[in-house]
């Protein structure tokens, strides 16, 4: 259910972009960098969902 929601909110291009960044950074051996990025990624993804939901609500109100 949650995965389906993600796929609806994120466009394929955005998902591809994130996957590329994640894989690139995952290949970097530094654990600290990986951890930092995961935290940033998590916060940003939540923020992105919030923005998208707000936009959807605005569209529905019109």
PDB file of N, CA and C in Angstrom:
ATOM      1  N   UNK A   1       0.839  -1.205   0.000  1.00  0.00           N
ATOM      2  CA  UNK A   1       0.000   0.000   0.000  1.00  0.00           C
ATOM      3  C   UNK A   1       0.876   1.258   0.000  1.00  0.00           C
ATOM      4  N   UNK A   2       1.828   1.307   0.935  1.00  0.00           N
ATOM      5  CA  UNK A   2       2.704   2.469   1.046  1.00  0.00           C
ATOM      6  C   UNK A   2       3.588   2.609  -0.191  1.00  0.00           C
ATOM      7  N   UNK A   3       4.017   1.486  -0.701  1.00  0.00           N
ATOM      8  CA  UNK A   3       4.868   1.512  -1.883  1.00  0.00           C
ATOM      9  C   UNK A   3       4.093   2.055  -3.083  1.00  0.00           C
ATOM     10  N   UNK A   4       2.855   1.671  -3.189  1.00  0.00           N
ATOM     11  CA  UNK A   4       1.989   2.135  -4.270  1.00  0.00           C
ATOM     12  C   UNK A   4       1.818   3.659  -4.195  1.00  0.00           C
ATOM     13  N   UNK A   5       1.669   4.165  -2.981  1.00  0.00           N
ATOM     14  CA  UNK A   5       1.540   5.601  -2.748  1.00  0.00           C
ATOM     15  C   UNK A   5       2.797   6.328  -3.218  1.00  0.00           C
ATOM     16  N   UNK A   6       3.951   5.765  -2.875  1.00  0.00           N
ATOM     17  CA  UNK A   6       5.223   6.337  -3.300  1.00  0.00           C
ATOM     18  C   UNK A   6       5.298   6.419  -4.816  1.00  0.00           C
ATOM     19  N   UNK A   7       4.915   5.341  -5.475  1.00  0.00           N
ATOM     20  CA  UNK A   7       5.010   5.295  -6.932  1.00  0.00           C
ATOM     21  C   UNK A   7       4.068   6.297  -7.579  1.00  0.00           C
ATOM     22  N   UNK A   8       2.944   6.562  -6.935  1.00  0.00           N
ATOM     23  CA  UNK A   8       2.014   7.559  -7.467  1.00  0.00           C
ATOM     24  C   UNK A   8       2.555   8.973  -7.307  1.00  0.00           C
ATOM     25  N   UNK A   9       3.141   9.243  -6.159  1.00  0.00           N
ATOM     26  CA  UNK A   9       3.616  10.589  -5.858  1.00  0.00           C
ATOM     27  C   UNK A   9       4.876  10.931  -6.657  1.00  0.00           C
ATOM     28  N   UNK A  10       5.838  10.032  -6.639  1.00  0.00           N
ATOM     29  CA  UNK A  10       7.080  10.289  -7.365  1.00  0.00           C
ATOM     30  C   UNK A  10       6.919   9.915  -8.826  1.00  0.00           C
ATOM     31  N   UNK A  11       7.379  10.775  -9.689  1.00  0.00           N
ATOM     32  CA  UNK A  11       7.394  10.420 -11.109  1.00  0.00           C
ATOM     33  C   UNK A  11       8.531   9.433 -11.338  1.00  0.00           C
ATOM     34  N   UNK A  12       8.482   8.719 -12.440  1.00  0.00           N
ATOM     35  CA  UNK A  12       9.524   7.736 -12.730  1.00  0.00           C
ATOM     36  C   UNK A  12      10.896   8.383 -12.834  1.00  0.00           C
ATOM     37  N   UNK A  13      10.922   9.584 -13.390  1.00  0.00           N
ATOM     38  CA  UNK A  13      12.189  10.301 -13.548  1.00  0.00           C
ATOM     39  C   UNK A  13      12.794  10.615 -12.184  1.00  0.00           C
ATOM     40  N   UNK A  14      11.959  11.078 -11.252  1.00  0.00           N
ATOM     41  CA  UNK A  14      12.433  11.408  -9.911  1.00  0.00           C
ATOM     42  C   UNK A  14      12.957  10.164  -9.215  1.00  0.00           C
ATOM     43  N   UNK A  15      12.208   9.070  -9.325  1.00  0.00           N
ATOM     44  CA  UNK A  15      12.640   7.816  -8.715  1.00  0.00           C
ATOM     45  C   UNK A  15      13.971   7.363  -9.282  1.00  0.00           C
ATOM     46  N   UNK A  16      14.127   7.472 -10.580  1.00  0.00           N
ATOM     47  CA  UNK A  16      15.374   7.069 -11.228  1.00  0.00           C
ATOM     48  C   UNK A  16      16.533   7.921 -10.720  1.00  0.00           C
ATOM     49  N   UNK A  17      16.277   9.218 -10.596  1.00  0.00           N
ATOM     50  CA  UNK A  17      17.269  10.178 -10.108  1.00  0.00           C
ATOM     51  C   UNK A  17      17.720   9.807  -8.693  1.00  0.00           C
ATOM     52  N   UNK A  18      16.761   9.508  -7.825  1.00  0.00           N
ATOM     53  CA  UNK A  18      17.085   9.123  -6.458  1.00  0.00           C
ATOM     54  C   UNK A  18      17.851   7.818  -6.403  1.00  0.00           C
ATOM     55  N   UNK A  19      17.417   6.840  -7.184  1.00  0.00           N
ATOM     56  CA  UNK A  19      18.090   5.543  -7.195  1.00  0.00           C
ATOM     57  C   UNK A  19      19.536   5.692  -7.643  1.00  0.00           C
ATOM     58  N   UNK A  20      19.768   6.544  -8.640  1.00  0.00           N
ATOM     59  CA  UNK A  20      21.123   6.777  -9.132  1.00  0.00           C
ATOM     60  C   UNK A  20      21.989   7.379  -8.037  1.00  0.00           C
ATOM     61  N   UNK A  21      21.469   8.404  -7.364  1.00  0.00           N
ATOM     62  CA  UNK A  21      22.213   9.051  -6.275  1.00  0.00           C
ATOM     63  C   UNK A  21      22.486   8.058  -5.151  1.00  0.00           C
ATOM     64  N   UNK A  22      21.457   7.290  -4.786  1.00  0.00           N
ATOM     65  CA  UNK A  22      21.617   6.316  -3.710  1.00  0.00           C
ATOM     66  C   UNK A  22      22.689   5.296  -4.034  1.00  0.00           C
ATOM     67  N   UNK A  23      22.670   4.764  -5.247  1.00  0.00           N
ATOM     68  CA  UNK A  23      23.665   3.759  -5.623  1.00  0.00           C
ATOM     69  C   UNK A  23      25.051   4.361  -5.667  1.00  0.00           C
ATOM     70  N   UNK A  24      25.168   5.562  -6.220  1.00  0.00           N
ATOM     71  CA  UNK A  24      26.477   6.218  -6.296  1.00  0.00           C
ATOM     72  C   UNK A  24      27.054   6.408  -4.903  1.00  0.00           C
ATOM     73  N   UNK A  25      26.229   6.934  -3.991  1.00  0.00           N
ATOM     74  CA  UNK A  25      26.719   7.187  -2.640  1.00  0.00           C
ATOM     75  C   UNK A  25      26.931   5.900  -1.859  1.00  0.00           C
ATOM     76  N   UNK A  26      26.170   4.879  -2.202  1.00  0.00           N
ATOM     77  CA  UNK A  26      26.329   3.592  -1.521  1.00  0.00           C
ATOM     78  C   UNK A  26      27.672   2.963  -1.869  1.00  0.00           C
ATOM     79  N   UNK A  27      28.158   3.247  -3.068  1.00  0.00           N
ATOM     80  CA  UNK A  27      29.440   2.702  -3.504  1.00  0.00           C
ATOM     81  C   UNK A  27      30.616   3.404  -2.826  1.00  0.00           C
ATOM     82  N   UNK A  28      30.378   4.604  -2.306  1.00  0.00           N
ATOM     83  CA  UNK A  28      31.425   5.308  -1.561  1.00  0.00           C
ATOM     84  C   UNK A  28      31.614   4.592  -0.220  1.00  0.00           C
ATOM     85  N   UNK A  29      32.838   4.188   0.105  1.00  0.00           N
ATOM     86  CA  UNK A  29      33.061   3.353   1.294  1.00  0.00           C
ATOM     87  C   UNK A  29      32.827   4.039   2.639  1.00  0.00           C
ATOM     88  N   UNK A  30      32.807   5.360   2.655  1.00  0.00           N
ATOM     89  CA  UNK A  30      32.677   6.066   3.925  1.00  0.00           C
ATOM     90  C   UNK A  30      31.311   5.822   4.578  1.00  0.00           C
ATOM     91  N   UNK A  31      31.323   5.211   5.748  1.00  0.00           N
ATOM     92  CA  UNK A  31      30.083   4.910   6.476  1.00  0.00           C
ATOM     93  C   UNK A  31      29.398   6.188   6.951  1.00  0.00           C
ATOM     94  N   UNK A  32      30.210   7.120   7.388  1.00  0.00           N
ATOM     95  CA  UNK A  32      29.681   8.380   7.903  1.00  0.00           C
ATOM     96  C   UNK A  32      28.902   9.114   6.816  1.00  0.00           C
ATOM     97  N   UNK A  33      29.457   9.147   5.622  1.00  0.00           N
ATOM     98  CA  UNK A  33      28.815   9.825   4.498  1.00  0.00           C
ATOM     99  C   UNK A  33      27.507   9.144   4.146  1.00  0.00           C
ATOM    100  N   UNK A  34      27.518   7.824   4.153  1.00  0.00           N
ATOM    101  CA  UNK A  34      26.301   7.057   3.856  1.00  0.00           C
ATOM    102  C   UNK A  34      25.214   7.379   4.865  1.00  0.00           C
ATOM    103  N   UNK A  35      25.584   7.395   6.124  1.00  0.00           N
ATOM    104  CA  UNK A  35      24.614   7.661   7.181  1.00  0.00           C
ATOM    105  C   UNK A  35      24.011   9.054   7.021  1.00  0.00           C
ATOM    106  N   UNK A  36      24.873  10.043   6.804  1.00  0.00           N
ATOM    107  CA  UNK A  36      24.423  11.424   6.613  1.00  0.00           C
ATOM    108  C   UNK A  36      23.454  11.505   5.451  1.00  0.00           C
ATOM    109  N   UNK A  37      23.816  10.849   4.356  1.00  0.00           N
ATOM    110  CA  UNK A  37      22.966  10.915   3.176  1.00  0.00           C
ATOM    111  C   UNK A  37      21.613  10.264   3.417  1.00  0.00           C
ATOM    112  N   UNK A  38      21.593   9.140   4.109  1.00  0.00           N
ATOM    113  CA  UNK A  38      20.328   8.448   4.389  1.00  0.00           C
ATOM    114  C   UNK A  38      19.403   9.360   5.199  1.00  0.00           C
ATOM    115  N   UNK A  39      19.963  10.050   6.184  1.00  0.00           N
ATOM    116  CA  UNK A  39      19.174  10.977   7.006  1.00  0.00           C
ATOM    117  C   UNK A  39      18.607  12.104   6.142  1.00  0.00           C
ATOM    118  N   UNK A  40      19.473  12.712   5.321  1.00  0.00           N
ATOM    119  CA  UNK A  40      19.041  13.797   4.429  1.00  0.00           C
ATOM    120  C   UNK A  40      17.967  13.296   3.473  1.00  0.00           C
ATOM    121  N   UNK A  41      18.205  12.118   2.906  1.00  0.00           N
ATOM    122  CA  UNK A  41      17.269  11.525   1.947  1.00  0.00           C
ATOM    123  C   UNK A  41      15.901  11.298   2.589  1.00  0.00           C
ATOM    124  N   UNK A  42      15.912  10.786   3.817  1.00  0.00           N
ATOM    125  CA  UNK A  42      14.669  10.513   4.534  1.00  0.00           C
ATOM    126  C   UNK A  42      13.879  11.803   4.759  1.00  0.00           C
ATOM    127  N   UNK A  43      14.563  12.828   5.269  1.00  0.00           N
ATOM    128  CA  UNK A  43      13.915  14.116   5.537  1.00  0.00           C
ATOM    129  C   UNK A  43      13.366  14.705   4.247  1.00  0.00           C
ATOM    130  N   UNK A  44      14.183  14.670   3.188  1.00  0.00           N
ATOM    131  CA  UNK A  44      13.765  15.264   1.924  1.00  0.00           C
ATOM    132  C   UNK A  44      12.582  14.528   1.318  1.00  0.00           C
ATOM    133  N   UNK A  45      12.572  13.208   1.411  1.00  0.00           N
ATOM    134  CA  UNK A  45      11.459  12.440   0.842  1.00  0.00           C
ATOM    135  C   UNK A  45      10.150  12.754   1.568  1.00  0.00           C
ATOM    136  N   UNK A  46      10.223  12.908   2.884  1.00  0.00           N
ATOM    137  CA  UNK A  46       9.026  13.271   3.659  1.00  0.00           C
ATOM    138  C   UNK A  46       8.531  14.653   3.226  1.00  0.00           C
ATOM    139  N   UNK A  47       9.469  15.575   3.096  1.00  0.00           N
ATOM    140  CA  UNK A  47       9.173  16.940   2.689  1.00  0.00           C
ATOM    141  C   UNK A  47       8.533  16.944   1.305  1.00  0.00           C
ATOM    142  N   UNK A  48       9.084  16.134   0.409  1.00  0.00           N
ATOM    143  CA  UNK A  48       8.592  16.033  -0.969  1.00  0.00           C
ATOM    144  C   UNK A  48       7.151  15.522  -0.996  1.00  0.00           C
ATOM    145  N   UNK A  49       6.860  14.505  -0.199  1.00  0.00           N
ATOM    146  CA  UNK A  49       5.506  13.941  -0.116  1.00  0.00           C
ATOM    147  C   UNK A  49       4.543  15.012   0.404  1.00  0.00           C
ATOM    148  N   UNK A  50       4.978  15.742   1.420  1.00  0.00           N
ATOM    149  CA  UNK A  50       4.157  16.799   2.010  1.00  0.00           C
ATOM    150  C   UNK A  50       3.796  17.849   0.960  1.00  0.00           C
ATOM    151  N   UNK A  51       4.776  18.303   0.195  1.00  0.00           N
ATOM    152  CA  UNK A  51       4.545  19.294  -0.865  1.00  0.00           C
ATOM    153  C   UNK A  51       3.568  18.746  -1.899  1.00  0.00           C
ATOM    154  N   UNK A  52       3.786  17.518  -2.327  1.00  0.00           N
ATOM    155  CA  UNK A  52       2.927  16.916  -3.344  1.00  0.00           C
ATOM    156  C   UNK A  52       1.488  16.773  -2.868  1.00  0.00           C
ATOM    157  N   UNK A  53       1.313  16.396  -1.617  1.00  0.00           N
ATOM    158  CA  UNK A  53      -0.037  16.263  -1.070  1.00  0.00           C
ATOM    159  C   UNK A  53      -0.727  17.619  -1.001  1.00  0.00           C
ATOM    160  N   UNK A  54       0.014  18.645  -0.611  1.00  0.00           N
ATOM    161  CA  UNK A  54      -0.542  20.000  -0.564  1.00  0.00           C
ATOM    162  C   UNK A  54      -0.979  20.453  -1.953  1.00  0.00           C
ATOM    163  N   UNK A  55      -0.174  20.153  -2.955  1.00  0.00           N
ATOM    164  CA  UNK A  55      -0.490  20.514  -4.335  1.00  0.00           C
ATOM    165  C   UNK A  55      -1.758  19.799  -4.798  1.00  0.00           C
ATOM    166  N   UNK A  56      -1.877  18.535  -4.448  1.00  0.00           N
ATOM    167  CA  UNK A  56      -3.062  17.753  -4.821  1.00  0.00           C
ATOM    168  C   UNK A  56      -4.319  18.341  -4.190  1.00  0.00           C
ATOM    169  N   UNK A  57      -4.215  18.738  -2.927  1.00  0.00           N
ATOM    170  CA  UNK A  57      -5.350  19.328  -2.210  1.00  0.00           C
ATOM    171  C   UNK A  57      -5.746  20.649  -2.874  1.00  0.00           C
ATOM    172  N   UNK A  58      -4.752  21.461  -3.228  1.00  0.00           N
ATOM    173  CA  UNK A  58      -5.023  22.747  -3.891  1.00  0.00           C
ATOM    174  C   UNK A  58      -5.735  22.529  -5.219  1.00  0.00           C
ATOM    175  N   UNK A  59      -5.307  21.529  -5.961  1.00  0.00           N
ATOM    176  CA  UNK A  59      -5.929  21.225  -7.257  1.00  0.00           C
ATOM    177  C   UNK A  59      -7.382  20.797  -7.074  1.00  0.00           C
ATOM    178  N   UNK A  60      -7.638  20.035  -6.035  1.00  0.00           N
ATOM    179  CA  UNK A  60      -8.995  19.550  -5.773  1.00  0.00           C
ATOM    180  C   UNK A  60      -9.922  20.683  -5.329  1.00  0.00           C
ATOM    181  N   UNK A  61      -9.385  21.673  -4.641  1.00  0.00           N
ATOM    182  CA  UNK A  61     -10.202  22.781  -4.133  1.00  0.00           C
ATOM    183  C   UNK A  61     -10.715  23.674  -5.255  1.00  0.00           C
ATOM    184  N   UNK A  62      -9.983  23.739  -6.357  1.00  0.00           N
ATOM    185  CA  UNK A  62     -10.396  24.606  -7.472  1.00  0.00           C
ATOM    186  C   UNK A  62     -11.677  24.131  -8.115  1.00  0.00           C
TER     187      UNK A  62
END
